[in-house]
């Protein structure tokens, strides 16, 4: 069993044992998500490989600092890559359709966050946001299209809604990262 810190280091250095561990422990969730959403095992392997390459590049060249587990990070990349692929292929009938199948990984991550205190840290700073920011971010997390958020919030344009969403996320992140408790939960390599 490797810690996230060890996995990140292993991905950066191309450590074969760590990569086998990641494949063995993280690939099944990706395969389930893709196979249950119009894909094949080959599709899942391609997407997973692409996600690992993107993760490597983000960690090495962009020096991304993760605020979630590596498992959640790779899953999110795979999900986005798969959504792009099925949208391009025309398999997705509605542009903003949610994937019908989600693995336990998200629930597992939320549970880990609650157990470790990350979730409470997030909730604390979410509650400190303005009511408008809380509404915008809640709708965004529910995958409500930006045009619908703009209409609900009575914004004059979708671009203005995008800007508001960005500023709200930025305020939330700033609050969390400036909180002294943040250092307990997030490693900055």
N, C-alpha and C. Protein backbone atom coordinates (compact mmCIF):
# COMPACT_ATOMS: atom_id res chain seq x y z
N UNK A 1 0.85 -1.19 0.00
CA UNK A 1 0.00 0.00 0.00
C UNK A 1 0.89 1.24 0.00
N UNK A 2 0.60 2.15 -0.90
CA UNK A 2 1.37 3.38 -1.00
C UNK A 2 0.51 4.57 -0.58
N UNK A 3 1.14 5.55 0.04
CA UNK A 3 0.44 6.79 0.37
C UNK A 3 0.34 7.62 -0.91
N UNK A 4 -0.53 8.64 -0.89
CA UNK A 4 -0.65 9.51 -2.06
C UNK A 4 0.68 10.18 -2.37
N UNK A 5 1.40 10.56 -1.34
CA UNK A 5 2.70 11.21 -1.54
C UNK A 5 3.66 10.27 -2.28
N UNK A 6 3.66 9.00 -1.88
CA UNK A 6 4.52 8.00 -2.53
C UNK A 6 4.07 7.74 -3.97
N UNK A 7 2.75 7.72 -4.18
CA UNK A 7 2.23 7.50 -5.53
C UNK A 7 2.62 8.66 -6.44
N UNK A 8 2.48 9.88 -5.95
CA UNK A 8 2.85 11.06 -6.75
C UNK A 8 4.33 11.00 -7.10
N UNK A 9 5.16 10.69 -6.12
CA UNK A 9 6.60 10.58 -6.38
C UNK A 9 6.88 9.46 -7.39
N UNK A 10 6.16 8.34 -7.24
CA UNK A 10 6.33 7.21 -8.15
C UNK A 10 5.92 7.54 -9.58
N UNK A 11 4.84 8.29 -9.73
CA UNK A 11 4.39 8.71 -11.06
C UNK A 11 5.43 9.64 -11.68
N UNK A 12 5.94 10.57 -10.87
CA UNK A 12 6.93 11.52 -11.38
C UNK A 12 8.21 10.83 -11.85
N UNK A 13 8.61 9.77 -11.13
CA UNK A 13 9.87 9.10 -11.44
C UNK A 13 9.69 7.87 -12.33
N UNK A 14 8.43 7.51 -12.62
CA UNK A 14 8.18 6.34 -13.45
C UNK A 14 8.47 5.03 -12.73
N UNK A 15 8.27 4.99 -11.43
CA UNK A 15 8.50 3.79 -10.62
C UNK A 15 7.50 2.70 -11.02
N UNK A 16 8.01 1.60 -11.57
CA UNK A 16 7.18 0.51 -12.07
C UNK A 16 6.28 -0.10 -11.01
N UNK A 17 6.78 -0.29 -9.80
CA UNK A 17 5.98 -0.89 -8.73
C UNK A 17 4.80 0.00 -8.38
N UNK A 18 5.05 1.28 -8.31
CA UNK A 18 3.98 2.23 -7.97
C UNK A 18 2.95 2.27 -9.10
N UNK A 19 3.42 2.29 -10.35
CA UNK A 19 2.49 2.32 -11.47
C UNK A 19 1.63 1.06 -11.53
N UNK A 20 2.22 -0.10 -11.22
CA UNK A 20 1.43 -1.34 -11.15
C UNK A 20 0.38 -1.24 -10.04
N UNK A 21 0.78 -0.67 -8.91
CA UNK A 21 -0.15 -0.48 -7.79
C UNK A 21 -1.32 0.42 -8.21
N UNK A 22 -1.00 1.52 -8.88
CA UNK A 22 -2.04 2.46 -9.34
C UNK A 22 -2.98 1.74 -10.30
N UNK A 23 -2.41 1.00 -11.24
CA UNK A 23 -3.22 0.29 -12.22
C UNK A 23 -4.13 -0.72 -11.52
N UNK A 24 -3.57 -1.51 -10.62
CA UNK A 24 -4.34 -2.56 -9.93
C UNK A 24 -5.45 -1.97 -9.06
N UNK A 25 -5.17 -0.87 -8.39
CA UNK A 25 -6.11 -0.33 -7.41
C UNK A 25 -7.04 0.75 -7.96
N UNK A 26 -6.67 1.40 -9.04
CA UNK A 26 -7.48 2.51 -9.55
C UNK A 26 -8.19 2.19 -10.86
N UNK A 27 -7.62 1.30 -11.66
CA UNK A 27 -8.21 1.00 -12.97
C UNK A 27 -9.61 0.38 -12.89
N UNK A 28 -9.90 -0.54 -11.95
CA UNK A 28 -11.24 -1.16 -11.95
C UNK A 28 -12.39 -0.15 -11.89
N UNK A 29 -12.24 0.92 -11.12
CA UNK A 29 -13.29 1.94 -11.04
C UNK A 29 -13.47 2.64 -12.39
N UNK A 30 -12.35 2.87 -13.06
CA UNK A 30 -12.40 3.54 -14.38
C UNK A 30 -13.07 2.61 -15.39
N UNK A 31 -12.68 1.35 -15.38
CA UNK A 31 -13.28 0.38 -16.31
C UNK A 31 -14.79 0.31 -16.08
N UNK A 32 -15.23 0.23 -14.82
CA UNK A 32 -16.67 0.17 -14.53
C UNK A 32 -17.40 1.40 -15.05
N UNK A 33 -16.82 2.56 -14.81
CA UNK A 33 -17.45 3.80 -15.24
C UNK A 33 -17.59 3.84 -16.76
N UNK A 34 -16.56 3.44 -17.48
CA UNK A 34 -16.57 3.52 -18.94
C UNK A 34 -17.43 2.42 -19.56
N UNK A 35 -17.29 1.20 -19.08
CA UNK A 35 -18.08 0.09 -19.63
C UNK A 35 -19.57 0.32 -19.40
N UNK A 36 -19.92 0.91 -18.27
CA UNK A 36 -21.33 1.19 -17.98
C UNK A 36 -21.84 2.46 -18.65
N UNK A 37 -21.00 3.09 -19.44
CA UNK A 37 -21.39 4.29 -20.17
C UNK A 37 -20.97 4.19 -21.63
N UNK A 38 -21.38 3.09 -22.27
CA UNK A 38 -21.22 2.89 -23.72
C UNK A 38 -19.80 2.55 -24.15
N UNK A 39 -18.91 2.18 -23.24
CA UNK A 39 -17.54 1.90 -23.63
C UNK A 39 -17.17 0.44 -23.54
N UNK A 40 -15.94 0.16 -23.93
CA UNK A 40 -15.40 -1.20 -23.88
C UNK A 40 -14.19 -1.23 -22.94
N UNK A 41 -13.70 -2.43 -22.68
CA UNK A 41 -12.49 -2.56 -21.87
C UNK A 41 -11.30 -1.86 -22.54
N UNK A 42 -11.23 -1.97 -23.88
CA UNK A 42 -10.15 -1.29 -24.61
C UNK A 42 -10.24 0.22 -24.45
N UNK A 43 -11.48 0.74 -24.53
CA UNK A 43 -11.68 2.18 -24.31
C UNK A 43 -11.17 2.58 -22.93
N UNK A 44 -11.52 1.77 -21.94
CA UNK A 44 -11.13 2.07 -20.56
C UNK A 44 -9.61 2.09 -20.43
N UNK A 45 -8.93 1.11 -21.04
CA UNK A 45 -7.47 1.07 -20.96
C UNK A 45 -6.85 2.28 -21.64
N UNK A 46 -7.39 2.67 -22.79
CA UNK A 46 -6.87 3.84 -23.50
C UNK A 46 -7.05 5.11 -22.67
N UNK A 47 -8.24 5.28 -22.13
CA UNK A 47 -8.54 6.48 -21.33
C UNK A 47 -7.66 6.51 -20.09
N UNK A 48 -7.50 5.36 -19.43
CA UNK A 48 -6.69 5.30 -18.21
C UNK A 48 -5.23 5.66 -18.52
N UNK A 49 -4.70 5.12 -19.61
CA UNK A 49 -3.33 5.43 -20.00
C UNK A 49 -3.17 6.92 -20.30
N UNK A 50 -4.14 7.48 -21.03
CA UNK A 50 -4.10 8.91 -21.34
C UNK A 50 -4.14 9.74 -20.04
N UNK A 51 -4.97 9.32 -19.11
CA UNK A 51 -5.09 10.04 -17.83
C UNK A 51 -3.79 10.00 -17.04
N UNK A 52 -3.10 8.86 -17.08
CA UNK A 52 -1.82 8.77 -16.37
C UNK A 52 -0.77 9.68 -17.01
N UNK A 53 -0.80 9.77 -18.34
CA UNK A 53 0.14 10.67 -19.04
C UNK A 53 -0.17 12.13 -18.66
N UNK A 54 -1.45 12.48 -18.66
CA UNK A 54 -1.85 13.84 -18.27
C UNK A 54 -1.45 14.12 -16.83
N UNK A 55 -1.67 13.16 -15.96
CA UNK A 55 -1.29 13.31 -14.54
C UNK A 55 0.20 13.54 -14.42
N UNK A 56 0.99 12.73 -15.12
CA UNK A 56 2.44 12.88 -15.11
C UNK A 56 2.84 14.29 -15.56
N UNK A 57 2.30 14.72 -16.69
CA UNK A 57 2.64 16.05 -17.22
C UNK A 57 2.24 17.16 -16.25
N UNK A 58 1.05 17.02 -15.65
CA UNK A 58 0.59 18.03 -14.70
C UNK A 58 1.48 18.09 -13.46
N UNK A 59 1.91 16.93 -12.98
CA UNK A 59 2.73 16.89 -11.78
C UNK A 59 4.16 17.37 -12.05
N UNK A 60 4.71 16.99 -13.19
CA UNK A 60 6.11 17.31 -13.50
C UNK A 60 6.28 18.70 -14.11
N UNK A 61 5.51 18.99 -15.14
CA UNK A 61 5.73 20.23 -15.88
C UNK A 61 4.91 21.41 -15.36
N UNK A 62 3.70 21.12 -14.93
CA UNK A 62 2.86 22.22 -14.43
C UNK A 62 2.95 22.35 -12.91
N UNK A 63 3.61 21.39 -12.29
CA UNK A 63 3.80 21.37 -10.83
C UNK A 63 2.48 21.56 -10.09
N UNK A 64 1.44 20.85 -10.54
CA UNK A 64 0.13 20.91 -9.91
C UNK A 64 0.23 20.35 -8.50
N UNK A 65 -0.42 21.02 -7.55
CA UNK A 65 -0.51 20.52 -6.18
C UNK A 65 -1.93 20.02 -6.00
N UNK A 66 -2.08 18.75 -5.68
CA UNK A 66 -3.40 18.15 -5.58
C UNK A 66 -4.09 18.55 -4.29
N UNK A 67 -5.40 18.82 -4.40
CA UNK A 67 -6.19 19.10 -3.21
C UNK A 67 -7.16 17.95 -2.94
N UNK A 68 -7.01 16.87 -3.70
CA UNK A 68 -7.81 15.66 -3.49
C UNK A 68 -6.86 14.48 -3.51
N UNK A 69 -7.40 13.29 -3.34
CA UNK A 69 -6.54 12.11 -3.42
C UNK A 69 -6.15 11.89 -4.88
N UNK A 70 -5.07 11.17 -5.08
CA UNK A 70 -4.63 10.86 -6.44
C UNK A 70 -5.69 10.02 -7.15
N UNK A 71 -6.38 9.16 -6.41
CA UNK A 71 -7.42 8.31 -6.99
C UNK A 71 -8.55 9.18 -7.56
N UNK A 72 -8.97 10.16 -6.81
CA UNK A 72 -10.03 11.06 -7.27
C UNK A 72 -9.56 11.91 -8.43
N UNK A 73 -8.32 12.36 -8.38
CA UNK A 73 -7.75 13.19 -9.44
C UNK A 73 -7.72 12.42 -10.77
N UNK A 74 -7.21 11.20 -10.74
CA UNK A 74 -7.13 10.39 -11.97
C UNK A 74 -8.53 10.04 -12.46
N UNK A 75 -9.44 9.72 -11.54
CA UNK A 75 -10.81 9.41 -11.91
C UNK A 75 -11.46 10.60 -12.64
N UNK A 76 -11.26 11.80 -12.09
CA UNK A 76 -11.85 12.99 -12.70
C UNK A 76 -11.31 13.21 -14.11
N UNK A 77 -10.01 13.01 -14.29
CA UNK A 77 -9.43 13.15 -15.63
C UNK A 77 -10.04 12.12 -16.57
N UNK A 78 -10.15 10.87 -16.12
CA UNK A 78 -10.73 9.81 -16.96
C UNK A 78 -12.18 10.14 -17.32
N UNK A 79 -12.93 10.59 -16.36
CA UNK A 79 -14.33 10.92 -16.59
C UNK A 79 -14.45 12.03 -17.65
N UNK A 80 -13.62 13.07 -17.50
CA UNK A 80 -13.66 14.16 -18.47
C UNK A 80 -13.24 13.70 -19.86
N UNK A 81 -12.19 12.88 -19.93
CA UNK A 81 -11.74 12.36 -21.23
C UNK A 81 -12.84 11.52 -21.88
N UNK A 82 -13.51 10.69 -21.08
CA UNK A 82 -14.55 9.83 -21.62
C UNK A 82 -15.76 10.66 -22.08
N UNK A 83 -16.14 11.65 -21.30
CA UNK A 83 -17.24 12.52 -21.72
C UNK A 83 -16.93 13.20 -23.04
N UNK A 84 -15.68 13.67 -23.19
CA UNK A 84 -15.28 14.30 -24.44
C UNK A 84 -15.37 13.31 -25.61
N UNK A 85 -14.91 12.11 -25.36
CA UNK A 85 -14.89 11.10 -26.43
C UNK A 85 -16.31 10.71 -26.85
N UNK A 86 -17.19 10.47 -25.89
CA UNK A 86 -18.54 10.04 -26.29
C UNK A 86 -19.34 11.20 -26.87
N UNK A 87 -19.03 12.42 -26.44
CA UNK A 87 -19.71 13.57 -27.03
C UNK A 87 -19.29 13.72 -28.48
N UNK A 88 -18.00 13.59 -28.76
CA UNK A 88 -17.50 13.68 -30.15
C UNK A 88 -18.05 12.55 -31.01
N UNK A 89 -18.20 11.37 -30.41
CA UNK A 89 -18.67 10.22 -31.17
C UNK A 89 -20.19 10.24 -31.37
N UNK A 90 -20.86 11.16 -30.73
CA UNK A 90 -22.31 11.26 -30.88
C UNK A 90 -23.08 10.26 -30.05
N UNK A 91 -22.41 9.60 -29.11
CA UNK A 91 -23.10 8.63 -28.28
C UNK A 91 -23.88 9.30 -27.16
N UNK A 92 -23.58 10.55 -26.91
CA UNK A 92 -24.23 11.27 -25.82
C UNK A 92 -25.37 12.08 -26.41
N UNK A 93 -26.60 11.66 -26.20
CA UNK A 93 -27.76 12.29 -26.83
C UNK A 93 -28.03 13.70 -26.32
N UNK A 94 -27.80 13.92 -25.05
CA UNK A 94 -28.03 15.25 -24.50
C UNK A 94 -26.70 15.78 -24.00
N UNK A 95 -26.38 16.98 -24.41
CA UNK A 95 -25.06 17.56 -24.12
C UNK A 95 -24.74 17.57 -22.64
N UNK A 96 -25.70 17.90 -21.80
CA UNK A 96 -25.44 18.02 -20.38
C UNK A 96 -25.94 16.83 -19.58
N UNK A 97 -26.10 15.71 -20.26
CA UNK A 97 -26.56 14.50 -19.59
C UNK A 97 -25.53 14.03 -18.57
N UNK A 98 -25.99 13.64 -17.41
CA UNK A 98 -25.08 13.11 -16.39
C UNK A 98 -24.76 11.67 -16.75
N UNK A 99 -23.61 11.21 -16.35
CA UNK A 99 -23.30 9.79 -16.53
C UNK A 99 -24.23 9.00 -15.62
N UNK A 100 -24.77 7.89 -16.17
CA UNK A 100 -25.77 7.15 -15.41
C UNK A 100 -25.14 6.29 -14.32
N UNK A 101 -23.86 6.08 -14.42
CA UNK A 101 -23.22 5.20 -13.45
C UNK A 101 -22.02 5.90 -12.83
N UNK A 102 -21.98 5.92 -11.53
CA UNK A 102 -20.83 6.45 -10.81
C UNK A 102 -20.35 5.37 -9.87
N UNK A 103 -19.07 5.17 -9.79
CA UNK A 103 -18.54 4.17 -8.89
C UNK A 103 -18.50 4.73 -7.48
N UNK A 104 -18.13 3.89 -6.55
CA UNK A 104 -18.09 4.28 -5.15
C UNK A 104 -16.95 5.24 -4.84
N UNK A 105 -16.12 5.52 -5.82
CA UNK A 105 -14.94 6.34 -5.56
C UNK A 105 -15.30 7.72 -5.02
N UNK A 106 -16.35 8.36 -5.56
CA UNK A 106 -16.72 9.69 -5.11
C UNK A 106 -17.26 9.60 -3.69
N UNK A 107 -18.14 8.65 -3.43
CA UNK A 107 -18.67 8.47 -2.09
C UNK A 107 -17.55 8.16 -1.12
N UNK A 108 -16.61 7.33 -1.55
CA UNK A 108 -15.47 6.97 -0.72
C UNK A 108 -14.64 8.21 -0.40
N UNK A 109 -14.44 9.05 -1.40
CA UNK A 109 -13.66 10.27 -1.19
C UNK A 109 -14.38 11.21 -0.22
N UNK A 110 -15.70 11.35 -0.39
CA UNK A 110 -16.46 12.20 0.53
C UNK A 110 -16.37 11.67 1.95
N UNK A 111 -16.45 10.36 2.11
CA UNK A 111 -16.34 9.75 3.44
C UNK A 111 -14.97 10.02 4.03
N UNK A 112 -13.93 9.84 3.21
CA UNK A 112 -12.57 10.11 3.70
C UNK A 112 -12.42 11.56 4.11
N UNK A 113 -13.01 12.46 3.30
CA UNK A 113 -12.93 13.88 3.64
C UNK A 113 -13.62 14.15 4.97
N UNK A 114 -14.80 13.55 5.17
CA UNK A 114 -15.52 13.78 6.41
C UNK A 114 -14.73 13.24 7.58
N UNK A 115 -14.18 12.04 7.42
CA UNK A 115 -13.42 11.44 8.50
C UNK A 115 -12.18 12.24 8.84
N UNK A 116 -11.52 12.78 7.86
CA UNK A 116 -10.25 13.47 8.09
C UNK A 116 -10.42 14.93 8.46
N UNK A 117 -11.59 15.47 8.30
CA UNK A 117 -11.80 16.87 8.63
C UNK A 117 -11.76 17.79 7.43
N UNK A 118 -11.34 17.27 6.27
CA UNK A 118 -11.29 18.11 5.07
C UNK A 118 -12.69 18.62 4.73
N UNK A 119 -13.66 17.74 4.86
CA UNK A 119 -15.02 18.12 4.51
C UNK A 119 -15.51 19.27 5.38
N UNK A 120 -15.22 19.18 6.67
CA UNK A 120 -15.65 20.26 7.58
C UNK A 120 -14.93 21.57 7.26
N UNK A 121 -13.67 21.47 6.88
CA UNK A 121 -12.92 22.66 6.49
C UNK A 121 -13.58 23.30 5.26
N UNK A 122 -13.91 22.47 4.28
CA UNK A 122 -14.60 22.95 3.09
C UNK A 122 -15.94 23.58 3.46
N UNK A 123 -16.74 22.88 4.27
CA UNK A 123 -18.07 23.39 4.66
C UNK A 123 -17.96 24.71 5.41
N UNK A 124 -16.98 24.81 6.28
CA UNK A 124 -16.79 26.04 7.06
C UNK A 124 -16.61 27.24 6.12
N UNK A 125 -15.75 27.08 5.13
CA UNK A 125 -15.46 28.19 4.23
C UNK A 125 -16.56 28.39 3.18
N UNK A 126 -17.26 27.32 2.83
CA UNK A 126 -18.40 27.45 1.91
C UNK A 126 -19.48 28.30 2.57
N UNK A 127 -19.73 28.06 3.86
CA UNK A 127 -20.75 28.84 4.59
C UNK A 127 -20.37 30.32 4.71
N UNK A 128 -19.08 30.63 4.65
CA UNK A 128 -18.64 32.02 4.77
C UNK A 128 -18.80 32.81 3.46
N UNK A 129 -19.04 32.11 2.37
CA UNK A 129 -19.24 32.78 1.08
C UNK A 129 -20.57 33.54 1.09
N UNK A 130 -20.71 34.48 0.17
CA UNK A 130 -21.98 35.20 0.02
C UNK A 130 -23.06 34.20 -0.41
N UNK A 131 -24.30 34.58 -0.19
CA UNK A 131 -25.41 33.71 -0.58
C UNK A 131 -25.39 33.45 -2.09
N UNK A 132 -25.09 34.49 -2.88
CA UNK A 132 -25.01 34.31 -4.33
C UNK A 132 -23.95 33.30 -4.72
N UNK A 133 -22.78 33.39 -4.10
CA UNK A 133 -21.70 32.45 -4.41
C UNK A 133 -22.11 31.03 -4.04
N UNK A 134 -22.73 30.87 -2.89
CA UNK A 134 -23.17 29.52 -2.48
C UNK A 134 -24.17 28.95 -3.49
N UNK A 135 -25.09 29.78 -3.96
CA UNK A 135 -26.09 29.33 -4.94
C UNK A 135 -25.41 28.94 -6.25
N UNK A 136 -24.53 29.80 -6.73
CA UNK A 136 -23.85 29.54 -8.01
C UNK A 136 -23.04 28.25 -7.94
N UNK A 137 -22.24 28.10 -6.89
CA UNK A 137 -21.39 26.91 -6.78
C UNK A 137 -22.23 25.65 -6.57
N UNK A 138 -23.31 25.75 -5.83
CA UNK A 138 -24.18 24.58 -5.63
C UNK A 138 -24.77 24.13 -6.95
N UNK A 139 -25.27 25.08 -7.74
CA UNK A 139 -25.84 24.72 -9.05
C UNK A 139 -24.76 24.16 -9.97
N UNK A 140 -23.57 24.76 -9.94
CA UNK A 140 -22.47 24.28 -10.77
C UNK A 140 -22.11 22.84 -10.40
N UNK A 141 -22.03 22.54 -9.10
CA UNK A 141 -21.70 21.19 -8.65
C UNK A 141 -22.78 20.18 -9.02
N UNK A 142 -24.00 20.66 -9.19
CA UNK A 142 -25.10 19.79 -9.61
C UNK A 142 -25.14 19.63 -11.13
N UNK A 143 -24.13 20.18 -11.80
CA UNK A 143 -23.99 20.08 -13.26
C UNK A 143 -25.09 20.82 -14.02
N UNK A 144 -25.63 21.85 -13.41
CA UNK A 144 -26.63 22.68 -14.09
C UNK A 144 -25.88 23.54 -15.11
N UNK A 145 -26.36 23.58 -16.35
CA UNK A 145 -25.68 24.36 -17.39
C UNK A 145 -25.56 25.83 -17.00
N UNK A 146 -24.46 26.46 -17.43
CA UNK A 146 -24.22 27.86 -17.09
C UNK A 146 -25.35 28.78 -17.55
N UNK A 147 -25.94 28.48 -18.71
CA UNK A 147 -27.03 29.34 -19.19
C UNK A 147 -28.23 29.28 -18.23
N UNK A 148 -28.47 28.11 -17.65
CA UNK A 148 -29.56 27.97 -16.69
C UNK A 148 -29.22 28.66 -15.36
N UNK A 149 -27.95 28.57 -14.97
CA UNK A 149 -27.52 29.27 -13.76
C UNK A 149 -27.69 30.78 -13.97
N UNK A 150 -27.28 31.27 -15.14
CA UNK A 150 -27.42 32.70 -15.45
C UNK A 150 -28.88 33.14 -15.36
N UNK A 151 -29.77 32.32 -15.90
CA UNK A 151 -31.20 32.66 -15.86
C UNK A 151 -31.72 32.66 -14.41
N UNK A 152 -31.35 31.65 -13.64
CA UNK A 152 -31.79 31.56 -12.24
C UNK A 152 -31.29 32.74 -11.43
N UNK A 153 -30.05 33.13 -11.69
CA UNK A 153 -29.43 34.21 -10.91
C UNK A 153 -29.74 35.60 -11.50
N UNK A 154 -30.52 35.64 -12.58
CA UNK A 154 -30.86 36.89 -13.27
C UNK A 154 -29.62 37.64 -13.76
N UNK A 155 -28.63 36.89 -14.22
CA UNK A 155 -27.44 37.52 -14.80
C UNK A 155 -27.74 37.88 -16.25
N UNK A 156 -27.11 38.93 -16.74
CA UNK A 156 -27.38 39.40 -18.10
C UNK A 156 -26.72 38.53 -19.17
N UNK A 157 -25.64 37.81 -18.79
CA UNK A 157 -24.97 36.97 -19.79
C UNK A 157 -24.33 35.76 -19.14
N UNK A 158 -24.09 34.75 -19.97
CA UNK A 158 -23.41 33.54 -19.50
C UNK A 158 -21.96 33.87 -19.13
N UNK A 159 -21.35 34.79 -19.87
CA UNK A 159 -19.97 35.18 -19.57
C UNK A 159 -19.86 35.78 -18.16
N UNK A 160 -20.85 36.58 -17.79
CA UNK A 160 -20.86 37.15 -16.44
C UNK A 160 -20.98 36.04 -15.39
N UNK A 161 -21.81 35.04 -15.68
CA UNK A 161 -21.98 33.90 -14.76
C UNK A 161 -20.68 33.13 -14.63
N UNK A 162 -19.97 32.94 -15.76
CA UNK A 162 -18.67 32.25 -15.72
C UNK A 162 -17.70 33.01 -14.83
N UNK A 163 -17.69 34.31 -14.98
CA UNK A 163 -16.79 35.15 -14.17
C UNK A 163 -17.15 35.05 -12.70
N UNK A 164 -18.44 35.11 -12.39
CA UNK A 164 -18.89 35.01 -11.00
C UNK A 164 -18.50 33.64 -10.41
N UNK A 165 -18.70 32.58 -11.20
CA UNK A 165 -18.36 31.23 -10.73
C UNK A 165 -16.86 31.17 -10.42
N UNK A 166 -16.05 31.69 -11.32
CA UNK A 166 -14.60 31.71 -11.14
C UNK A 166 -14.23 32.46 -9.86
N UNK A 167 -14.81 33.64 -9.67
CA UNK A 167 -14.48 34.45 -8.49
C UNK A 167 -14.95 33.77 -7.20
N UNK A 168 -16.10 33.11 -7.26
CA UNK A 168 -16.60 32.40 -6.07
C UNK A 168 -15.68 31.22 -5.72
N UNK A 169 -15.27 30.45 -6.74
CA UNK A 169 -14.35 29.34 -6.49
C UNK A 169 -13.02 29.86 -5.95
N UNK A 170 -12.56 30.97 -6.50
CA UNK A 170 -11.30 31.56 -6.06
C UNK A 170 -11.40 31.99 -4.59
N UNK A 171 -12.53 32.60 -4.22
CA UNK A 171 -12.73 33.03 -2.83
C UNK A 171 -12.78 31.83 -1.89
N UNK A 172 -13.44 30.76 -2.32
CA UNK A 172 -13.52 29.55 -1.51
C UNK A 172 -12.14 28.94 -1.31
N UNK A 173 -11.38 28.80 -2.40
CA UNK A 173 -10.02 28.25 -2.30
C UNK A 173 -9.13 29.11 -1.41
N UNK A 174 -9.23 30.42 -1.58
CA UNK A 174 -8.40 31.33 -0.78
C UNK A 174 -8.70 31.15 0.70
N UNK A 175 -9.99 31.08 1.03
CA UNK A 175 -10.38 30.88 2.42
C UNK A 175 -9.83 29.58 2.98
N UNK A 176 -9.95 28.52 2.21
CA UNK A 176 -9.48 27.20 2.66
C UNK A 176 -7.96 27.20 2.81
N UNK A 177 -7.26 27.66 1.79
CA UNK A 177 -5.79 27.61 1.82
C UNK A 177 -5.18 28.56 2.84
N UNK A 178 -5.90 29.62 3.22
CA UNK A 178 -5.40 30.53 4.25
C UNK A 178 -5.77 30.08 5.66
N UNK A 179 -6.59 29.05 5.77
CA UNK A 179 -6.98 28.53 7.07
C UNK A 179 -5.82 27.73 7.65
N UNK A 180 -5.46 27.98 8.91
CA UNK A 180 -4.35 27.23 9.52
C UNK A 180 -4.58 25.71 9.52
N UNK A 181 -5.83 25.27 9.56
CA UNK A 181 -6.13 23.83 9.56
C UNK A 181 -5.83 23.17 8.22
N UNK A 182 -5.73 23.96 7.17
CA UNK A 182 -5.50 23.42 5.83
C UNK A 182 -4.21 22.60 5.78
N UNK A 183 -3.19 23.04 6.47
CA UNK A 183 -1.89 22.36 6.43
C UNK A 183 -1.98 20.92 6.94
N UNK A 184 -2.97 20.62 7.77
CA UNK A 184 -3.14 19.26 8.29
C UNK A 184 -3.56 18.28 7.21
N UNK A 185 -4.26 18.80 6.20
CA UNK A 185 -4.91 17.91 5.24
C UNK A 185 -4.30 17.91 3.85
N UNK A 186 -3.64 18.96 3.48
CA UNK A 186 -3.14 19.07 2.11
C UNK A 186 -1.63 19.18 2.10
N UNK A 187 -1.01 18.25 1.40
CA UNK A 187 0.46 18.29 1.34
C UNK A 187 0.88 19.17 0.17
N UNK A 188 1.82 20.04 0.41
CA UNK A 188 2.36 20.90 -0.64
C UNK A 188 3.79 20.44 -0.90
N UNK A 189 3.94 19.64 -1.97
CA UNK A 189 5.27 19.11 -2.27
C UNK A 189 6.11 20.14 -2.94
